[in-house]
Amino acid sequence: MIKALIFDMDGVLIDSMHLHAKAWKTAFFEAGITIDQREIFGLEGENDTGIVRNILKGTKKGCCMQEELFMSVPARKHEIFDRDSVTIFKDMDTCLQLLKKRYKLAVVSGSDKKIVEMMLQRYFPGTFDVAVSGDDTINGKPEPDPYNKAVEMLQTDKKECIVIENAMLGVMSAKNAGIFTIGLPTYLDRKELRHADIVLDNHGELFRLMKLLMRT
């Protein structure tokens, strides 16, 4: 029996990844590193340290992995991230309120703790029982640590949970943790989420699936 639903935040609950990608691109550019925003989409779910590490691997600066960039680039990214332009996906709030009557709800995000807390308080106050941010585990997605922590905090069994993810690394993280995973290709092609147990087409299909789940 399913007792808990675990959601990624950016790209599942809120339409924000294009804003994160834009902020990362600007922060890296100011540090002398040019990237494509698609690179950030591919790294969605990683915490700040993981994103910087992966970007630096493909640059000349990555040869020495300049330590100051692990602090300065994320700090600058957080400064310029346009949080006021974030929107929630249509009907998501209504769906969550229905689900909350029956299931425990959790969020697992690679975003920093302040951003996660701010977004949940602004758009979904009192909705989620558990929230795990990129600051809460040493190893971020695709490692299983974030989802393992969520299950532990929910005080339930992995077999009683379902994860909803829109990112490649997020899907890998959930599957590495041994949890049934639904892929939602908000910014990526469906094939990039092929390791999920189910891959949907859009949020409308997700809402229909959630309604069916509640009838079981």
N, C-alpha and C. Protein backbone atom coordinates (compact mmCIF):
# COMPACT_ATOMS: atom_id res chain seq x y z
N MET A 1 0.84 -1.20 0.00
CA MET A 1 0.00 0.00 0.00
C MET A 1 0.87 1.25 0.00
N ILE A 2 0.53 2.19 -0.85
CA ILE A 2 1.29 3.44 -0.92
C ILE A 2 0.88 4.36 0.23
N LYS A 3 1.89 4.85 0.96
CA LYS A 3 1.64 5.73 2.10
C LYS A 3 2.24 7.12 1.93
N ALA A 4 3.20 7.26 0.99
CA ALA A 4 3.88 8.55 0.85
C ALA A 4 4.22 8.85 -0.60
N LEU A 5 4.10 10.11 -0.97
CA LEU A 5 4.48 10.59 -2.30
C LEU A 5 5.59 11.61 -2.13
N ILE A 6 6.66 11.43 -2.92
CA ILE A 6 7.83 12.30 -2.79
C ILE A 6 8.05 13.04 -4.11
N PHE A 7 8.04 14.35 -4.06
CA PHE A 7 8.13 15.18 -5.26
C PHE A 7 9.46 15.92 -5.34
N ASP A 8 10.01 15.95 -6.54
CA ASP A 8 11.05 16.94 -6.81
C ASP A 8 10.35 18.29 -6.84
N MET A 9 11.08 19.38 -6.60
CA MET A 9 10.43 20.68 -6.54
C MET A 9 10.47 21.41 -7.89
N ASP A 10 11.66 21.77 -8.35
CA ASP A 10 11.80 22.54 -9.58
C ASP A 10 11.47 21.66 -10.79
N GLY A 11 10.48 22.08 -11.54
CA GLY A 11 10.10 21.33 -12.73
C GLY A 11 8.97 20.35 -12.50
N VAL A 12 8.64 20.10 -11.24
CA VAL A 12 7.50 19.24 -10.91
C VAL A 12 6.42 20.05 -10.21
N LEU A 13 6.80 20.72 -9.14
CA LEU A 13 5.85 21.57 -8.41
C LEU A 13 5.80 22.99 -8.95
N ILE A 14 6.98 23.53 -9.22
CA ILE A 14 7.07 24.92 -9.69
C ILE A 14 7.83 25.00 -11.00
N ASP A 15 7.43 25.93 -11.84
CA ASP A 15 8.07 26.14 -13.14
C ASP A 15 9.21 27.13 -12.95
N SER A 16 10.40 26.62 -12.71
CA SER A 16 11.51 27.47 -12.28
C SER A 16 12.86 27.13 -12.90
N MET A 17 12.98 25.96 -13.54
CA MET A 17 14.31 25.54 -13.98
C MET A 17 14.92 26.48 -15.00
N HIS A 18 14.11 27.09 -15.85
CA HIS A 18 14.66 28.04 -16.82
C HIS A 18 15.27 29.24 -16.11
N LEU A 19 14.71 29.59 -14.95
CA LEU A 19 15.25 30.71 -14.17
C LEU A 19 16.53 30.31 -13.46
N HIS A 20 16.57 29.09 -12.93
CA HIS A 20 17.80 28.58 -12.32
C HIS A 20 18.91 28.52 -13.36
N ALA A 21 18.59 27.99 -14.55
CA ALA A 21 19.59 27.84 -15.60
C ALA A 21 20.15 29.19 -16.03
N LYS A 22 19.26 30.16 -16.17
CA LYS A 22 19.70 31.50 -16.56
C LYS A 22 20.63 32.10 -15.50
N ALA A 23 20.29 31.92 -14.22
CA ALA A 23 21.12 32.46 -13.14
C ALA A 23 22.47 31.77 -13.09
N TRP A 24 22.48 30.44 -13.25
CA TRP A 24 23.76 29.72 -13.28
C TRP A 24 24.62 30.18 -14.45
N LYS A 25 24.01 30.32 -15.62
CA LYS A 25 24.77 30.74 -16.81
C LYS A 25 25.43 32.10 -16.58
N THR A 26 24.69 33.03 -15.98
CA THR A 26 25.23 34.37 -15.71
C THR A 26 26.34 34.30 -14.67
N ALA A 27 26.13 33.54 -13.62
CA ALA A 27 27.14 33.43 -12.55
C ALA A 27 28.43 32.82 -13.07
N PHE A 28 28.32 31.79 -13.89
CA PHE A 28 29.53 31.18 -14.46
C PHE A 28 30.20 32.14 -15.44
N PHE A 29 29.40 32.85 -16.24
CA PHE A 29 29.97 33.81 -17.20
C PHE A 29 30.77 34.88 -16.49
N GLU A 30 30.24 35.37 -15.37
CA GLU A 30 30.95 36.39 -14.61
C GLU A 30 32.25 35.85 -14.01
N ALA A 31 32.32 34.53 -13.87
CA ALA A 31 33.54 33.89 -13.36
C ALA A 31 34.47 33.48 -14.50
N GLY A 32 34.10 33.86 -15.73
CA GLY A 32 34.95 33.57 -16.88
C GLY A 32 34.69 32.22 -17.53
N ILE A 33 33.53 31.64 -17.27
CA ILE A 33 33.21 30.32 -17.81
C ILE A 33 31.91 30.40 -18.59
N THR A 34 31.94 30.02 -19.86
CA THR A 34 30.75 30.07 -20.71
C THR A 34 30.10 28.70 -20.77
N ILE A 35 28.80 28.64 -20.49
CA ILE A 35 28.06 27.38 -20.55
C ILE A 35 26.78 27.60 -21.32
N ASP A 36 26.18 26.49 -21.73
CA ASP A 36 24.86 26.50 -22.35
C ASP A 36 23.85 26.17 -21.26
N GLN A 37 22.70 26.82 -21.29
CA GLN A 37 21.69 26.56 -20.27
C GLN A 37 21.26 25.11 -20.25
N ARG A 38 21.35 24.42 -21.37
CA ARG A 38 20.98 23.01 -21.43
C ARG A 38 21.86 22.17 -20.51
N GLU A 39 23.08 22.62 -20.29
CA GLU A 39 23.97 21.89 -19.38
C GLU A 39 23.38 21.85 -17.98
N ILE A 40 22.74 22.94 -17.58
CA ILE A 40 22.13 23.00 -16.25
C ILE A 40 20.91 22.09 -16.20
N PHE A 41 20.13 22.03 -17.27
CA PHE A 41 18.99 21.12 -17.30
C PHE A 41 19.46 19.67 -17.09
N GLY A 42 20.60 19.34 -17.70
CA GLY A 42 21.14 18.00 -17.57
C GLY A 42 21.65 17.69 -16.18
N LEU A 43 21.98 18.74 -15.42
CA LEU A 43 22.50 18.58 -14.06
C LEU A 43 21.44 18.85 -13.01
N GLU A 44 20.21 19.06 -13.45
CA GLU A 44 19.15 19.36 -12.49
C GLU A 44 19.05 18.27 -11.44
N GLY A 45 18.95 18.68 -10.20
CA GLY A 45 18.88 17.74 -9.09
C GLY A 45 20.15 17.70 -8.28
N GLU A 46 21.29 18.02 -8.93
CA GLU A 46 22.55 18.12 -8.20
C GLU A 46 22.49 19.30 -7.24
N ASN A 47 23.22 19.19 -6.13
CA ASN A 47 23.34 20.35 -5.25
C ASN A 47 24.36 21.32 -5.84
N ASP A 48 24.55 22.47 -5.19
CA ASP A 48 25.41 23.51 -5.74
C ASP A 48 26.83 23.00 -6.01
N THR A 49 27.38 22.27 -5.05
CA THR A 49 28.75 21.76 -5.19
C THR A 49 28.86 20.83 -6.39
N GLY A 50 27.86 19.97 -6.56
CA GLY A 50 27.88 19.04 -7.68
C GLY A 50 27.78 19.74 -9.03
N ILE A 51 26.96 20.79 -9.11
CA ILE A 51 26.84 21.53 -10.36
C ILE A 51 28.16 22.19 -10.72
N VAL A 52 28.78 22.87 -9.77
CA VAL A 52 30.07 23.54 -10.04
C VAL A 52 31.11 22.50 -10.43
N ARG A 53 31.17 21.39 -9.71
CA ARG A 53 32.17 20.35 -10.00
C ARG A 53 32.01 19.82 -11.42
N ASN A 54 30.77 19.55 -11.82
CA ASN A 54 30.53 19.00 -13.15
C ASN A 54 30.83 20.00 -14.26
N ILE A 55 30.49 21.26 -14.04
CA ILE A 55 30.79 22.28 -15.05
C ILE A 55 32.30 22.48 -15.18
N LEU A 56 32.99 22.51 -14.07
CA LEU A 56 34.43 22.75 -14.10
C LEU A 56 35.20 21.62 -14.78
N LYS A 57 34.66 20.41 -14.72
CA LYS A 57 35.34 19.27 -15.35
C LYS A 57 35.58 19.50 -16.84
N GLY A 58 34.71 20.25 -17.46
CA GLY A 58 34.82 20.47 -18.90
C GLY A 58 35.51 21.77 -19.29
N THR A 59 36.18 22.41 -18.33
CA THR A 59 36.85 23.67 -18.61
C THR A 59 38.32 23.62 -18.25
N LYS A 60 39.08 24.59 -18.75
CA LYS A 60 40.50 24.69 -18.39
C LYS A 60 40.65 24.95 -16.90
N LYS A 61 39.71 25.70 -16.33
CA LYS A 61 39.78 25.99 -14.90
C LYS A 61 39.56 24.73 -14.08
N GLY A 62 38.95 23.74 -14.71
CA GLY A 62 38.70 22.51 -13.99
C GLY A 62 39.94 21.72 -13.69
N CYS A 63 41.04 22.04 -14.40
CA CYS A 63 42.30 21.33 -14.16
C CYS A 63 42.75 21.47 -12.71
N CYS A 64 42.49 22.61 -12.13
CA CYS A 64 42.92 22.83 -10.75
C CYS A 64 41.73 22.97 -9.80
N MET A 65 40.49 22.83 -10.35
CA MET A 65 39.28 22.89 -9.52
C MET A 65 39.36 24.02 -8.49
N GLN A 66 39.45 25.23 -8.99
CA GLN A 66 39.62 26.39 -8.11
C GLN A 66 38.58 26.41 -7.00
N GLU A 67 39.08 26.27 -5.78
CA GLU A 67 38.20 26.13 -4.63
C GLU A 67 37.27 27.32 -4.43
N GLU A 68 37.76 28.54 -4.75
CA GLU A 68 36.93 29.71 -4.50
C GLU A 68 35.66 29.72 -5.34
N LEU A 69 35.70 29.02 -6.50
CA LEU A 69 34.53 28.98 -7.36
C LEU A 69 33.39 28.19 -6.74
N PHE A 70 33.71 27.24 -5.87
CA PHE A 70 32.67 26.45 -5.22
C PHE A 70 31.85 27.29 -4.24
N MET A 71 32.40 28.43 -3.84
CA MET A 71 31.69 29.35 -2.97
C MET A 71 31.13 30.53 -3.74
N SER A 72 31.97 31.13 -4.59
CA SER A 72 31.60 32.38 -5.25
C SER A 72 30.52 32.21 -6.32
N VAL A 73 30.60 31.16 -7.12
CA VAL A 73 29.62 30.99 -8.19
C VAL A 73 28.22 30.69 -7.64
N PRO A 74 28.06 29.73 -6.71
CA PRO A 74 26.71 29.53 -6.15
C PRO A 74 26.18 30.76 -5.42
N ALA A 75 27.07 31.47 -4.70
CA ALA A 75 26.62 32.67 -3.98
C ALA A 75 26.08 33.70 -4.96
N ARG A 76 26.79 33.89 -6.07
CA ARG A 76 26.34 34.85 -7.08
C ARG A 76 25.05 34.36 -7.75
N LYS A 77 24.96 33.06 -7.99
CA LYS A 77 23.76 32.49 -8.60
C LYS A 77 22.55 32.77 -7.73
N HIS A 78 22.69 32.60 -6.43
CA HIS A 78 21.57 32.83 -5.52
C HIS A 78 21.16 34.31 -5.50
N GLU A 79 22.13 35.18 -5.68
CA GLU A 79 21.83 36.62 -5.71
C GLU A 79 20.96 37.00 -6.89
N ILE A 80 21.23 36.43 -8.04
CA ILE A 80 20.57 36.87 -9.26
C ILE A 80 19.39 35.97 -9.67
N PHE A 81 19.18 34.87 -8.96
CA PHE A 81 18.04 34.01 -9.27
C PHE A 81 16.73 34.80 -9.10
N ASP A 82 15.94 34.84 -10.16
CA ASP A 82 14.73 35.65 -10.19
C ASP A 82 13.56 34.88 -9.56
N ARG A 83 13.56 34.78 -8.24
CA ARG A 83 12.54 33.99 -7.53
C ARG A 83 11.14 34.56 -7.68
N ASP A 84 11.05 35.87 -7.98
CA ASP A 84 9.73 36.49 -8.11
C ASP A 84 9.03 36.12 -9.42
N SER A 85 9.77 35.52 -10.36
CA SER A 85 9.16 35.11 -11.63
C SER A 85 8.74 33.65 -11.63
N VAL A 86 8.98 32.96 -10.52
CA VAL A 86 8.60 31.56 -10.41
C VAL A 86 7.07 31.43 -10.36
N THR A 87 6.54 30.43 -11.01
CA THR A 87 5.10 30.15 -10.95
C THR A 87 4.89 28.67 -10.63
N ILE A 88 3.73 28.34 -10.08
CA ILE A 88 3.42 26.93 -9.85
C ILE A 88 2.71 26.39 -11.08
N PHE A 89 2.86 25.11 -11.32
CA PHE A 89 2.17 24.50 -12.45
C PHE A 89 0.67 24.48 -12.19
N LYS A 90 -0.09 24.75 -13.21
CA LYS A 90 -1.54 24.85 -13.10
C LYS A 90 -2.13 23.60 -12.45
N ASP A 91 -2.99 23.82 -11.47
CA ASP A 91 -3.73 22.77 -10.75
C ASP A 91 -2.87 21.96 -9.78
N MET A 92 -1.58 22.30 -9.65
CA MET A 92 -0.73 21.53 -8.75
C MET A 92 -1.18 21.68 -7.29
N ASP A 93 -1.51 22.89 -6.89
CA ASP A 93 -1.92 23.11 -5.50
C ASP A 93 -3.18 22.32 -5.16
N THR A 94 -4.16 22.34 -6.06
CA THR A 94 -5.39 21.59 -5.85
C THR A 94 -5.12 20.10 -5.74
N CYS A 95 -4.26 19.60 -6.60
CA CYS A 95 -3.90 18.19 -6.58
C CYS A 95 -3.25 17.80 -5.26
N LEU A 96 -2.32 18.63 -4.79
CA LEU A 96 -1.61 18.33 -3.54
C LEU A 96 -2.55 18.33 -2.34
N GLN A 97 -3.49 19.25 -2.34
CA GLN A 97 -4.43 19.31 -1.22
C GLN A 97 -5.29 18.05 -1.14
N LEU A 98 -5.65 17.49 -2.29
CA LEU A 98 -6.39 16.24 -2.31
C LEU A 98 -5.53 15.08 -1.85
N LEU A 99 -4.28 15.05 -2.34
CA LEU A 99 -3.37 13.96 -1.98
C LEU A 99 -3.03 13.98 -0.50
N LYS A 100 -2.94 15.17 0.08
CA LYS A 100 -2.56 15.30 1.48
C LYS A 100 -3.58 14.65 2.42
N LYS A 101 -4.81 14.52 1.97
CA LYS A 101 -5.84 13.91 2.81
C LYS A 101 -5.60 12.42 3.02
N ARG A 102 -4.77 11.84 2.12
CA ARG A 102 -4.58 10.39 2.17
C ARG A 102 -3.13 9.98 2.36
N TYR A 103 -2.19 10.80 1.86
CA TYR A 103 -0.78 10.40 1.88
C TYR A 103 0.10 11.39 2.63
N LYS A 104 1.24 10.89 3.11
CA LYS A 104 2.29 11.79 3.56
C LYS A 104 2.95 12.36 2.31
N LEU A 105 3.33 13.64 2.37
CA LEU A 105 3.93 14.28 1.21
C LEU A 105 5.31 14.81 1.56
N ALA A 106 6.24 14.64 0.63
CA ALA A 106 7.61 15.11 0.84
C ALA A 106 8.14 15.78 -0.41
N VAL A 107 9.13 16.64 -0.22
CA VAL A 107 9.86 17.28 -1.31
C VAL A 107 11.33 16.92 -1.18
N VAL A 108 11.95 16.55 -2.29
CA VAL A 108 13.39 16.32 -2.32
C VAL A 108 13.95 17.16 -3.46
N SER A 109 14.73 18.18 -3.11
CA SER A 109 15.24 19.13 -4.10
C SER A 109 16.75 19.29 -3.98
N GLY A 110 17.38 19.58 -5.11
CA GLY A 110 18.81 19.88 -5.11
C GLY A 110 19.08 21.34 -4.80
N SER A 111 18.04 22.16 -4.75
CA SER A 111 18.22 23.58 -4.46
C SER A 111 18.65 23.77 -3.01
N ASP A 112 19.26 24.93 -2.72
CA ASP A 112 19.74 25.19 -1.37
C ASP A 112 18.55 25.36 -0.42
N LYS A 113 18.80 25.16 0.86
CA LYS A 113 17.75 25.10 1.86
C LYS A 113 16.90 26.36 1.92
N LYS A 114 17.53 27.53 1.82
CA LYS A 114 16.78 28.78 1.90
C LYS A 114 15.76 28.91 0.77
N ILE A 115 16.19 28.51 -0.44
CA ILE A 115 15.29 28.58 -1.59
C ILE A 115 14.14 27.60 -1.42
N VAL A 116 14.44 26.37 -0.99
CA VAL A 116 13.40 25.36 -0.82
C VAL A 116 12.37 25.83 0.21
N GLU A 117 12.85 26.30 1.36
CA GLU A 117 11.95 26.76 2.41
C GLU A 117 11.11 27.95 1.94
N MET A 118 11.74 28.86 1.21
CA MET A 118 11.03 30.04 0.73
C MET A 118 9.92 29.66 -0.26
N MET A 119 10.25 28.79 -1.21
CA MET A 119 9.27 28.40 -2.22
C MET A 119 8.11 27.62 -1.63
N LEU A 120 8.41 26.71 -0.71
CA LEU A 120 7.33 25.93 -0.10
C LEU A 120 6.44 26.80 0.77
N GLN A 121 7.04 27.75 1.49
CA GLN A 121 6.24 28.64 2.32
C GLN A 121 5.39 29.59 1.47
N ARG A 122 5.94 30.01 0.36
CA ARG A 122 5.22 30.95 -0.51
C ARG A 122 4.07 30.29 -1.26
N TYR A 123 4.32 29.10 -1.80
CA TYR A 123 3.33 28.48 -2.68
C TYR A 123 2.56 27.31 -2.08
N PHE A 124 3.16 26.61 -1.10
CA PHE A 124 2.51 25.42 -0.55
C PHE A 124 2.61 25.39 0.97
N PRO A 125 2.21 26.44 1.66
CA PRO A 125 2.37 26.48 3.12
C PRO A 125 1.59 25.36 3.81
N GLY A 126 2.27 24.63 4.68
CA GLY A 126 1.63 23.58 5.45
C GLY A 126 1.29 22.32 4.67
N THR A 127 1.74 22.23 3.43
CA THR A 127 1.36 21.09 2.59
C THR A 127 2.24 19.87 2.80
N PHE A 128 3.54 20.08 2.95
CA PHE A 128 4.48 18.97 2.97
C PHE A 128 4.91 18.60 4.38
N ASP A 129 4.99 17.29 4.61
CA ASP A 129 5.41 16.78 5.91
C ASP A 129 6.92 16.79 6.06
N VAL A 130 7.62 16.65 4.94
CA VAL A 130 9.08 16.53 4.95
C VAL A 130 9.65 17.30 3.77
N ALA A 131 10.79 17.97 3.98
CA ALA A 131 11.49 18.64 2.88
C ALA A 131 12.99 18.37 3.02
N VAL A 132 13.59 17.86 1.96
CA VAL A 132 15.03 17.62 1.91
C VAL A 132 15.62 18.52 0.84
N SER A 133 16.59 19.34 1.20
CA SER A 133 17.22 20.26 0.26
C SER A 133 18.62 19.77 -0.11
N GLY A 134 19.25 20.50 -1.02
CA GLY A 134 20.61 20.16 -1.43
C GLY A 134 21.63 20.32 -0.32
N ASP A 135 21.27 21.03 0.73
CA ASP A 135 22.18 21.23 1.86
C ASP A 135 22.09 20.11 2.89
N ASP A 136 21.11 19.24 2.75
CA ASP A 136 20.81 18.27 3.81
C ASP A 136 21.57 16.96 3.70
N THR A 137 22.23 16.72 2.58
CA THR A 137 23.06 15.53 2.44
C THR A 137 24.38 15.91 1.79
N ILE A 138 25.43 15.20 2.15
CA ILE A 138 26.74 15.48 1.55
C ILE A 138 26.72 15.13 0.07
N ASN A 139 26.15 13.99 -0.25
CA ASN A 139 26.06 13.55 -1.64
C ASN A 139 24.66 13.84 -2.17
N GLY A 140 24.60 14.61 -3.26
CA GLY A 140 23.31 14.93 -3.86
C GLY A 140 22.93 13.93 -4.93
N LYS A 141 21.86 14.21 -5.64
CA LYS A 141 21.46 13.38 -6.78
C LYS A 141 22.60 13.36 -7.80
N PRO A 142 22.93 12.24 -8.42
CA PRO A 142 22.18 10.99 -8.56
C PRO A 142 22.42 9.96 -7.46
N GLU A 143 23.20 10.29 -6.44
CA GLU A 143 23.36 9.37 -5.32
C GLU A 143 22.02 9.18 -4.61
N PRO A 144 21.81 8.07 -3.94
CA PRO A 144 20.51 7.80 -3.31
C PRO A 144 20.27 8.57 -2.02
N ASP A 145 21.29 9.24 -1.49
CA ASP A 145 21.22 9.86 -0.17
C ASP A 145 20.00 10.77 0.04
N PRO A 146 19.67 11.69 -0.89
CA PRO A 146 18.54 12.58 -0.65
C PRO A 146 17.21 11.83 -0.46
N TYR A 147 16.98 10.80 -1.29
CA TYR A 147 15.73 10.06 -1.17
C TYR A 147 15.74 9.12 0.02
N ASN A 148 16.90 8.57 0.34
CA ASN A 148 17.01 7.76 1.56
C ASN A 148 16.67 8.59 2.79
N LYS A 149 17.15 9.84 2.79
CA LYS A 149 16.87 10.72 3.93
C LYS A 149 15.38 11.04 4.02
N ALA A 150 14.75 11.27 2.88
CA ALA A 150 13.32 11.57 2.88
C ALA A 150 12.52 10.40 3.44
N VAL A 151 12.84 9.19 3.01
CA VAL A 151 12.13 8.01 3.50
C VAL A 151 12.32 7.86 5.00
N GLU A 152 13.55 8.10 5.46
CA GLU A 152 13.83 8.02 6.89
C GLU A 152 13.00 9.04 7.67
N MET A 153 12.92 10.26 7.16
CA MET A 153 12.17 11.31 7.83
C MET A 153 10.67 11.04 7.79
N LEU A 154 10.21 10.40 6.73
CA LEU A 154 8.80 10.06 6.61
C LEU A 154 8.41 8.90 7.50
N GLN A 155 9.42 8.17 7.99
CA GLN A 155 9.21 7.01 8.85
C GLN A 155 8.31 5.98 8.17
N THR A 156 8.66 5.68 6.93
CA THR A 156 7.91 4.70 6.17
C THR A 156 8.88 3.79 5.43
N ASP A 157 8.37 2.83 4.71
CA ASP A 157 9.20 1.91 3.94
C ASP A 157 9.27 2.36 2.49
N LYS A 158 10.39 2.06 1.84
CA LYS A 158 10.56 2.48 0.44
C LYS A 158 9.48 1.89 -0.46
N LYS A 159 9.03 0.69 -0.14
CA LYS A 159 8.01 0.04 -0.94
C LYS A 159 6.66 0.74 -0.82
N GLU A 160 6.54 1.63 0.15
CA GLU A 160 5.29 2.36 0.37
C GLU A 160 5.35 3.77 -0.18
N CYS A 161 6.39 4.05 -0.99
CA CYS A 161 6.60 5.40 -1.52
C CYS A 161 6.61 5.41 -3.04
N ILE A 162 6.24 6.55 -3.60
CA ILE A 162 6.39 6.82 -5.03
C ILE A 162 7.08 8.17 -5.17
N VAL A 163 8.05 8.24 -6.09
CA VAL A 163 8.77 9.48 -6.38
C VAL A 163 8.28 10.04 -7.71
N ILE A 164 8.11 11.36 -7.78
CA ILE A 164 7.78 12.04 -9.03
C ILE A 164 8.94 12.96 -9.37
N GLU A 165 9.63 12.69 -10.47
CA GLU A 165 10.86 13.40 -10.85
C GLU A 165 10.81 13.86 -12.30
N ASN A 166 11.45 15.00 -12.57
CA ASN A 166 11.52 15.49 -13.95
C ASN A 166 12.95 15.56 -14.47
N ALA A 167 13.93 15.14 -13.66
CA ALA A 167 15.33 15.27 -14.04
C ALA A 167 16.01 13.91 -14.15
N MET A 168 16.99 13.81 -15.05
CA MET A 168 17.73 12.55 -15.22
C MET A 168 18.40 12.13 -13.92
N LEU A 169 19.11 13.07 -13.29
CA LEU A 169 19.83 12.74 -12.06
C LEU A 169 18.86 12.42 -10.93
N GLY A 170 17.71 13.06 -10.93
CA GLY A 170 16.71 12.79 -9.93
C GLY A 170 16.14 11.39 -10.06
N VAL A 171 15.86 11.00 -11.30
CA VAL A 171 15.37 9.64 -11.55
C VAL A 171 16.40 8.62 -11.10
N MET A 172 17.66 8.87 -11.44
CA MET A 172 18.73 7.96 -11.04
C MET A 172 18.84 7.87 -9.53
N SER A 173 18.71 9.00 -8.85
CA SER A 173 18.79 9.04 -7.40
C SER A 173 17.69 8.20 -6.77
N ALA A 174 16.47 8.39 -7.24
CA ALA A 174 15.33 7.65 -6.69
C ALA A 174 15.45 6.16 -6.96
N LYS A 175 15.88 5.80 -8.18
CA LYS A 175 16.04 4.39 -8.51
C LYS A 175 17.20 3.78 -7.74
N ASN A 176 18.27 4.53 -7.54
CA ASN A 176 19.39 4.05 -6.74
C ASN A 176 18.98 3.81 -5.30
N ALA A 177 17.96 4.55 -4.86
CA ALA A 177 17.43 4.36 -3.51
C ALA A 177 16.42 3.22 -3.45
N GLY A 178 16.07 2.68 -4.60
CA GLY A 178 15.14 1.55 -4.63
C GLY A 178 13.68 1.93 -4.50
N ILE A 179 13.31 3.11 -5.04
CA ILE A 179 11.94 3.59 -4.92
C ILE A 179 11.28 3.65 -6.30
N PHE A 180 10.03 3.25 -6.37
CA PHE A 180 9.26 3.34 -7.62
C PHE A 180 9.21 4.80 -8.06
N THR A 181 9.52 5.04 -9.34
CA THR A 181 9.70 6.42 -9.81
C THR A 181 8.89 6.72 -11.06
N ILE A 182 8.21 7.86 -11.02
CA ILE A 182 7.47 8.38 -12.17
C ILE A 182 8.28 9.52 -12.79
N GLY A 183 8.55 9.42 -14.09
CA GLY A 183 9.28 10.46 -14.79
C GLY A 183 8.33 11.45 -15.43
N LEU A 184 8.63 12.74 -15.28
CA LEU A 184 7.79 13.81 -15.83
C LEU A 184 8.69 14.75 -16.64
N PRO A 185 8.73 14.62 -17.97
CA PRO A 185 9.69 15.36 -18.79
C PRO A 185 9.32 16.82 -19.05
N THR A 186 9.44 17.62 -18.01
CA THR A 186 9.07 19.03 -18.13
C THR A 186 10.00 19.79 -19.07
N TYR A 187 11.31 19.58 -18.91
CA TYR A 187 12.29 20.30 -19.71
C TYR A 187 13.13 19.39 -20.60
N LEU A 188 12.98 18.08 -20.41
CA LEU A 188 13.78 17.12 -21.15
C LEU A 188 12.90 16.25 -22.04
N ASP A 189 13.52 15.52 -22.95
CA ASP A 189 12.78 14.56 -23.75
C ASP A 189 12.44 13.33 -22.90
N ARG A 190 11.37 12.65 -23.26
CA ARG A 190 10.95 11.46 -22.51
C ARG A 190 12.05 10.43 -22.43
N LYS A 191 12.82 10.27 -23.51
CA LYS A 191 13.86 9.24 -23.54
C LYS A 191 14.96 9.50 -22.52
N GLU A 192 15.12 10.75 -22.10
CA GLU A 192 16.15 11.07 -21.12
C GLU A 192 15.74 10.63 -19.71
N LEU A 193 14.47 10.26 -19.55
CA LEU A 193 13.97 9.78 -18.25
C LEU A 193 13.61 8.31 -18.33
N ARG A 194 14.17 7.61 -19.30
CA ARG A 194 13.78 6.23 -19.58
C ARG A 194 14.04 5.26 -18.43
N HIS A 195 14.88 5.63 -17.48
CA HIS A 195 15.16 4.72 -16.37
C HIS A 195 14.07 4.76 -15.30
N ALA A 196 13.13 5.70 -15.43
CA ALA A 196 12.00 5.73 -14.50
C ALA A 196 11.09 4.52 -14.76
N ASP A 197 10.31 4.13 -13.77
CA ASP A 197 9.41 3.00 -13.94
C ASP A 197 8.27 3.34 -14.89
N ILE A 198 7.82 4.59 -14.84
CA ILE A 198 6.80 5.10 -15.75
C ILE A 198 7.24 6.48 -16.21
N VAL A 199 7.09 6.78 -17.49
CA VAL A 199 7.37 8.13 -17.99
C VAL A 199 6.08 8.70 -18.57
N LEU A 200 5.63 9.81 -18.02
CA LEU A 200 4.41 10.46 -18.47
C LEU A 200 4.73 11.50 -19.55
N ASP A 201 3.69 12.11 -20.09
CA ASP A 201 3.88 13.13 -21.11
C ASP A 201 3.85 14.55 -20.56
N ASN A 202 3.03 14.78 -19.54
CA ASN A 202 2.86 16.14 -19.04
C ASN A 202 2.18 16.12 -17.67
N HIS A 203 1.97 17.31 -17.12
CA HIS A 203 1.35 17.42 -15.80
C HIS A 203 -0.11 16.96 -15.81
N GLY A 204 -0.79 17.18 -16.91
CA GLY A 204 -2.17 16.74 -16.99
C GLY A 204 -2.27 15.23 -16.80
N GLU A 205 -1.35 14.51 -17.41
CA GLU A 205 -1.33 13.05 -17.26
C GLU A 205 -0.98 12.66 -15.82
N LEU A 206 -0.09 13.44 -15.19
CA LEU A 206 0.26 13.19 -13.79
C LEU A 206 -0.97 13.34 -12.90
N PHE A 207 -1.73 14.41 -13.09
CA PHE A 207 -2.92 14.64 -12.28
C PHE A 207 -3.94 13.51 -12.44
N ARG A 208 -4.10 13.04 -13.67
CA ARG A 208 -5.04 11.94 -13.91
C ARG A 208 -4.56 10.66 -13.21
N LEU A 209 -3.26 10.44 -13.24
CA LEU A 209 -2.69 9.27 -12.57
C LEU A 209 -2.87 9.36 -11.05
N MET A 210 -2.69 10.54 -10.50
CA MET A 210 -2.86 10.72 -9.07
C MET A 210 -4.31 10.47 -8.64
N LYS A 211 -5.26 10.88 -9.47
CA LYS A 211 -6.67 10.64 -9.18
C LYS A 211 -6.97 9.15 -9.18
N LEU A 212 -6.38 8.43 -10.14
CA LEU A 212 -6.57 6.98 -10.19
C LEU A 212 -5.95 6.31 -8.97
N LEU A 213 -4.79 6.81 -8.54
CA LEU A 213 -4.11 6.26 -7.38
C LEU A 213 -4.98 6.37 -6.13
N MET A 214 -5.65 7.49 -6.00
CA MET A 214 -6.47 7.71 -4.82
C MET A 214 -7.70 6.80 -4.78
N ARG A 215 -8.06 6.22 -5.92
CA ARG A 215 -9.22 5.33 -5.96
C ARG A 215 -8.87 3.91 -5.59
N THR A 216 -7.57 3.61 -5.53
CA THR A 216 -7.15 2.24 -5.24
C THR A 216 -7.18 1.95 -3.74
